[in-house]
Amino acid sequence: MLRNMYKNQHVVKTERGWGIRGEKNSRITKNFDTQQEAIERARDIAINQESELLIHGKDGKIRERSSYGNDPFPPKG
């Protein structure tokens, strides 16, 4: 099985609005005023890197996730 060499992208609530954070990064890559702006940019990054996009709610819990590469076929389950 191939390991994904790129980082999953997380959209998270920040003090300044919403931000994108690469998986296992402690720093925010970029801040946005709205969650929608952050989601759109993070989706572009995830598509480009063939990784996953994880969208967190204001409470910090993952509310949605989308995968843009390296999916097993057929899917398990």
N, C-alpha and C. Protein backbone atom coordinates (compact mmCIF):
# COMPACT_ATOMS: atom_id res chain seq x y z
N MET A 1 0.84 -1.19 0.00
CA MET A 1 0.00 0.00 0.00
C MET A 1 0.89 1.25 0.00
N LEU A 2 0.57 2.17 -0.86
CA LEU A 2 1.34 3.41 -0.93
C LEU A 2 0.94 4.35 0.19
N ARG A 3 1.91 4.98 0.80
CA ARG A 3 1.61 5.99 1.83
C ARG A 3 1.51 7.35 1.17
N ASN A 4 0.59 8.12 1.63
CA ASN A 4 0.41 9.47 1.12
C ASN A 4 1.59 10.33 1.57
N MET A 5 2.31 10.91 0.61
CA MET A 5 3.49 11.69 0.98
C MET A 5 3.16 13.15 1.30
N TYR A 6 1.92 13.54 1.13
CA TYR A 6 1.52 14.90 1.42
C TYR A 6 0.67 14.95 2.67
N LYS A 7 0.59 16.11 3.26
CA LYS A 7 -0.14 16.28 4.52
C LYS A 7 -1.61 16.56 4.28
N ASN A 8 -2.43 15.96 5.11
CA ASN A 8 -3.85 16.29 5.11
C ASN A 8 -4.00 17.73 5.57
N GLN A 9 -5.03 18.38 5.07
CA GLN A 9 -5.28 19.79 5.37
C GLN A 9 -6.48 19.92 6.30
N HIS A 10 -6.30 20.65 7.39
CA HIS A 10 -7.35 20.85 8.38
C HIS A 10 -7.81 22.31 8.34
N VAL A 11 -9.12 22.52 8.30
CA VAL A 11 -9.70 23.86 8.44
C VAL A 11 -10.14 23.98 9.89
N VAL A 12 -9.56 24.95 10.60
CA VAL A 12 -9.79 25.07 12.04
C VAL A 12 -10.13 26.51 12.43
N LYS A 13 -10.86 26.65 13.54
CA LYS A 13 -11.18 27.97 14.09
C LYS A 13 -9.93 28.55 14.73
N THR A 14 -9.67 29.83 14.48
CA THR A 14 -8.52 30.50 15.06
C THR A 14 -8.98 31.78 15.76
N GLU A 15 -8.07 32.44 16.44
CA GLU A 15 -8.39 33.71 17.09
C GLU A 15 -8.78 34.78 16.08
N ARG A 16 -8.24 34.66 14.86
CA ARG A 16 -8.48 35.67 13.82
C ARG A 16 -9.53 35.26 12.80
N GLY A 17 -10.24 34.18 13.04
CA GLY A 17 -11.24 33.70 12.08
C GLY A 17 -11.10 32.21 11.87
N TRP A 18 -10.70 31.84 10.66
CA TRP A 18 -10.51 30.43 10.30
C TRP A 18 -9.16 30.27 9.63
N GLY A 19 -8.55 29.11 9.81
CA GLY A 19 -7.24 28.88 9.25
C GLY A 19 -7.08 27.49 8.66
N ILE A 20 -6.03 27.35 7.89
CA ILE A 20 -5.63 26.05 7.33
C ILE A 20 -4.37 25.62 8.06
N ARG A 21 -4.38 24.36 8.50
CA ARG A 21 -3.21 23.82 9.18
C ARG A 21 -2.92 22.45 8.59
N GLY A 22 -1.68 22.26 8.13
CA GLY A 22 -1.26 20.95 7.63
C GLY A 22 -1.18 19.97 8.79
N GLU A 23 -1.50 18.71 8.52
CA GLU A 23 -1.47 17.69 9.56
C GLU A 23 -0.13 17.66 10.28
N LYS A 24 -0.16 17.59 11.58
CA LYS A 24 0.99 17.55 12.48
C LYS A 24 1.78 18.85 12.53
N ASN A 25 1.27 19.91 11.88
CA ASN A 25 1.89 21.23 12.00
C ASN A 25 1.31 21.93 13.21
N SER A 26 2.14 22.67 13.91
CA SER A 26 1.63 23.44 15.04
C SER A 26 1.17 24.83 14.61
N ARG A 27 1.68 25.29 13.49
CA ARG A 27 1.34 26.64 13.01
C ARG A 27 0.28 26.60 11.92
N ILE A 28 -0.50 27.66 11.88
CA ILE A 28 -1.51 27.85 10.83
C ILE A 28 -0.78 28.27 9.55
N THR A 29 -1.14 27.64 8.43
CA THR A 29 -0.54 27.98 7.13
C THR A 29 -1.03 29.33 6.66
N LYS A 30 -2.35 29.57 6.79
CA LYS A 30 -2.93 30.83 6.34
C LYS A 30 -4.24 31.06 7.08
N ASN A 31 -4.53 32.31 7.41
CA ASN A 31 -5.77 32.69 8.07
C ASN A 31 -6.74 33.32 7.08
N PHE A 32 -8.04 33.14 7.35
CA PHE A 32 -9.10 33.69 6.52
C PHE A 32 -10.17 34.28 7.42
N ASP A 33 -10.96 35.20 6.88
CA ASP A 33 -12.04 35.81 7.64
C ASP A 33 -13.20 34.84 7.84
N THR A 34 -13.47 34.01 6.82
CA THR A 34 -14.60 33.10 6.89
C THR A 34 -14.16 31.65 6.75
N GLN A 35 -14.99 30.76 7.28
CA GLN A 35 -14.71 29.33 7.14
C GLN A 35 -14.77 28.93 5.67
N GLN A 36 -15.72 29.49 4.92
CA GLN A 36 -15.87 29.13 3.51
C GLN A 36 -14.62 29.45 2.71
N GLU A 37 -14.01 30.61 2.96
CA GLU A 37 -12.76 30.96 2.26
C GLU A 37 -11.66 29.95 2.58
N ALA A 38 -11.57 29.57 3.85
CA ALA A 38 -10.56 28.59 4.27
C ALA A 38 -10.81 27.24 3.63
N ILE A 39 -12.07 26.82 3.56
CA ILE A 39 -12.42 25.53 2.96
C ILE A 39 -12.04 25.51 1.49
N GLU A 40 -12.37 26.58 0.76
CA GLU A 40 -12.07 26.63 -0.68
C GLU A 40 -10.57 26.51 -0.94
N ARG A 41 -9.76 27.23 -0.17
CA ARG A 41 -8.31 27.17 -0.36
C ARG A 41 -7.74 25.83 0.08
N ALA A 42 -8.22 25.31 1.20
CA ALA A 42 -7.74 24.01 1.69
C ALA A 42 -8.11 22.90 0.71
N ARG A 43 -9.30 23.00 0.09
CA ARG A 43 -9.71 22.00 -0.90
C ARG A 43 -8.75 22.02 -2.09
N ASP A 44 -8.38 23.21 -2.56
CA ASP A 44 -7.42 23.32 -3.66
C ASP A 44 -6.10 22.64 -3.30
N ILE A 45 -5.62 22.88 -2.08
CA ILE A 45 -4.35 22.29 -1.63
C ILE A 45 -4.49 20.77 -1.57
N ALA A 46 -5.58 20.27 -0.99
CA ALA A 46 -5.78 18.83 -0.85
C ALA A 46 -5.87 18.16 -2.22
N ILE A 47 -6.56 18.79 -3.16
CA ILE A 47 -6.64 18.23 -4.51
C ILE A 47 -5.27 18.18 -5.14
N ASN A 48 -4.51 19.27 -5.03
CA ASN A 48 -3.18 19.35 -5.61
C ASN A 48 -2.24 18.31 -5.00
N GLN A 49 -2.37 18.08 -3.71
CA GLN A 49 -1.47 17.16 -3.01
C GLN A 49 -2.03 15.75 -2.90
N GLU A 50 -3.24 15.54 -3.45
CA GLU A 50 -3.90 14.23 -3.37
C GLU A 50 -3.96 13.74 -1.93
N SER A 51 -4.49 14.62 -1.06
CA SER A 51 -4.59 14.29 0.36
C SER A 51 -6.03 14.48 0.82
N GLU A 52 -6.24 14.50 2.12
CA GLU A 52 -7.59 14.67 2.66
C GLU A 52 -7.81 16.08 3.18
N LEU A 53 -9.05 16.51 3.12
CA LEU A 53 -9.49 17.78 3.69
C LEU A 53 -10.37 17.45 4.88
N LEU A 54 -10.02 17.98 6.06
CA LEU A 54 -10.80 17.77 7.26
C LEU A 54 -11.29 19.12 7.75
N ILE A 55 -12.61 19.27 7.85
CA ILE A 55 -13.22 20.53 8.25
C ILE A 55 -13.71 20.39 9.69
N HIS A 56 -13.19 21.25 10.55
CA HIS A 56 -13.55 21.25 11.96
C HIS A 56 -14.60 22.32 12.21
N GLY A 57 -15.51 22.04 13.13
CA GLY A 57 -16.50 23.03 13.54
C GLY A 57 -15.91 23.97 14.58
N LYS A 58 -16.70 24.92 15.04
CA LYS A 58 -16.24 25.87 16.06
C LYS A 58 -15.81 25.16 17.34
N ASP A 59 -16.40 23.98 17.60
CA ASP A 59 -16.06 23.21 18.80
C ASP A 59 -14.78 22.40 18.65
N GLY A 60 -14.17 22.43 17.46
CA GLY A 60 -12.92 21.71 17.22
C GLY A 60 -13.09 20.29 16.71
N LYS A 61 -14.32 19.78 16.74
CA LYS A 61 -14.58 18.42 16.26
C LYS A 61 -14.69 18.39 14.75
N ILE A 62 -14.21 17.30 14.15
CA ILE A 62 -14.31 17.15 12.70
C ILE A 62 -15.78 17.00 12.34
N ARG A 63 -16.25 17.85 11.43
CA ARG A 63 -17.65 17.79 11.02
C ARG A 63 -17.81 17.25 9.61
N GLU A 64 -16.69 17.26 8.85
CA GLU A 64 -16.74 16.79 7.47
C GLU A 64 -15.33 16.44 7.02
N ARG A 65 -15.23 15.43 6.16
CA ARG A 65 -13.93 15.11 5.58
C ARG A 65 -14.12 14.64 4.15
N SER A 66 -13.17 15.00 3.30
CA SER A 66 -13.19 14.61 1.90
C SER A 66 -11.81 14.15 1.51
N SER A 67 -11.76 13.12 0.69
CA SER A 67 -10.48 12.58 0.24
C SER A 67 -10.29 12.88 -1.24
N TYR A 68 -9.08 13.29 -1.58
CA TYR A 68 -8.78 13.67 -2.96
C TYR A 68 -7.62 12.87 -3.55
N GLY A 69 -7.45 11.62 -3.11
CA GLY A 69 -6.41 10.80 -3.71
C GLY A 69 -6.04 9.61 -2.85
N ASN A 70 -5.38 8.65 -3.49
CA ASN A 70 -4.89 7.44 -2.84
C ASN A 70 -5.98 6.67 -2.12
N ASP A 71 -7.18 6.67 -2.66
CA ASP A 71 -8.27 5.90 -2.07
C ASP A 71 -8.18 4.45 -2.53
N PRO A 72 -8.42 3.51 -1.62
CA PRO A 72 -8.45 2.11 -2.05
C PRO A 72 -9.66 1.86 -2.92
N PHE A 73 -9.49 1.03 -3.93
CA PHE A 73 -10.63 0.67 -4.77
C PHE A 73 -10.65 -0.83 -4.91
N PRO A 74 -11.72 -1.51 -4.64
CA PRO A 74 -12.98 -0.94 -4.16
C PRO A 74 -12.86 -0.51 -2.71
N PRO A 75 -13.73 0.42 -2.28
CA PRO A 75 -13.66 0.89 -0.89
C PRO A 75 -14.00 -0.22 0.09
N LYS A 76 -13.40 -0.17 1.26
CA LYS A 76 -13.70 -1.14 2.31
C LYS A 76 -15.08 -0.89 2.87
N GLY A 77 -15.76 -1.97 3.26
CA GLY A 77 -17.07 -1.84 3.90
C GLY A 77 -18.11 -2.05 2.93
